[in-house]
Structures are given as C-alpha cells and as structure tokens.
Amino acid sequence: DLMTEDEIRMIVARWRVARSLAAGRTYRQIEEETGLSSRTIARISHWLRHGEGGYRLLLRQGEARKV
C-alpha cells in the first residue's frame, strides 16, 4: 500500500535503465528494450552520474553480491 502499481512499474523500469546504462548499453538499445523515452533515459543517466548516489550504491551492492 506504499505505492501504486504504476509507481512500482516505473521504479522497476528506472532500475532496469540504470543497470543498462552502467553496462554500457546505448540509449537506443535501452529505448527499444524498455519502451521509455530517450528523455527519461537521459534523466536517469544524469541522476546516475550526478545524483545523490542512490543508483551507484545499489549498483555496487549488486556487484558485491555477484562475487
């Protein structure tokens, strides 16, 4: 009850974009895979590089779990 289904879907999509960007995928590839606009992808890219570090923290934690 914390979020609506649409909000949950958007968080999942944003996380997928962040992982794809970190893996070096292009905006075009990510657009085709997710259906999100290049503007949304660019916004997530900006947050990934210049945000408060939430995406980077989760990406690092994900990498640590793979080891």
Protein backbone atom coordinates (compact mmCIF):
# COMPACT_ATOMS: atom_id res chain seq x y z
CA ASP A 1 0.00 0.00 0.00
CA LEU A 2 3.05 2.28 -0.07
CA MET A 3 2.99 2.70 -3.86
CA THR A 4 0.56 2.20 -6.70
CA GLU A 5 1.17 -0.47 -9.31
CA ASP A 6 2.17 2.23 -11.81
CA GLU A 7 4.73 3.67 -9.39
CA ILE A 8 6.20 0.22 -8.78
CA ARG A 9 6.40 -0.41 -12.53
CA MET A 10 8.18 2.91 -13.06
CA ILE A 11 10.73 2.17 -10.32
CA VAL A 12 11.42 -1.23 -11.86
CA ALA A 13 11.82 0.38 -15.29
CA ARG A 14 14.16 3.07 -13.94
CA TRP A 15 16.27 0.45 -12.20
CA ARG A 16 16.49 -1.54 -15.43
CA VAL A 17 17.64 1.61 -17.24
CA ALA A 18 20.28 2.34 -14.58
CA ARG A 19 21.67 -1.18 -14.85
CA SER A 20 21.69 -0.98 -18.64
CA LEU A 21 23.49 2.37 -18.60
CA ALA A 22 26.06 1.01 -16.16
CA ALA A 23 26.59 -1.94 -18.51
CA GLY A 24 27.36 0.43 -21.38
CA ARG A 25 24.19 -0.02 -23.41
CA THR A 26 23.16 2.81 -25.72
CA TYR A 27 20.09 5.00 -25.29
CA ARG A 28 18.69 3.44 -28.47
CA GLN A 29 19.09 -0.10 -27.12
CA ILE A 30 17.53 0.87 -23.81
CA GLU A 31 14.64 2.64 -25.56
CA GLU A 32 13.90 -0.49 -27.59
CA GLU A 33 14.12 -2.77 -24.55
CA THR A 34 12.08 -0.67 -22.13
CA GLY A 35 9.82 1.49 -24.24
CA LEU A 36 10.93 4.52 -22.23
CA SER A 37 11.73 7.78 -23.99
CA SER A 38 15.26 8.99 -24.56
CA ARG A 39 14.39 11.95 -22.31
CA THR A 40 13.58 9.63 -19.40
CA ILE A 41 16.74 7.64 -20.06
CA ALA A 42 18.78 10.86 -20.14
CA ARG A 43 17.26 11.94 -16.83
CA ILE A 44 18.17 8.61 -15.23
CA SER A 45 21.66 8.86 -16.72
CA HIS A 46 22.05 12.30 -15.16
CA TRP A 47 20.89 11.03 -11.75
CA LEU A 48 23.24 8.07 -12.06
CA ARG A 49 26.22 10.36 -12.69
CA HIS A 50 25.32 13.47 -10.69
CA GLY A 51 22.63 12.43 -8.20
CA GLU A 52 22.95 11.76 -4.50
CA GLY A 53 24.42 8.30 -5.12
CA GLY A 54 21.42 6.03 -4.63
CA TYR A 55 21.72 4.35 -8.02
CA ARG A 56 25.51 3.96 -7.63
CA LEU A 57 25.08 2.46 -4.16
CA LEU A 58 22.58 -0.12 -5.38
CA LEU A 59 24.73 -0.95 -8.40
CA ARG A 60 27.76 -1.53 -6.14
CA GLN A 61 25.71 -3.68 -3.78
CA GLY A 62 24.51 -5.73 -6.73
CA GLU A 63 28.08 -6.24 -7.92
CA ALA A 64 29.20 -7.26 -4.43
CA ARG A 65 26.51 -9.95 -4.31
CA LYS A 66 27.77 -11.47 -7.58
CA VAL A 67 31.14 -12.23 -6.01
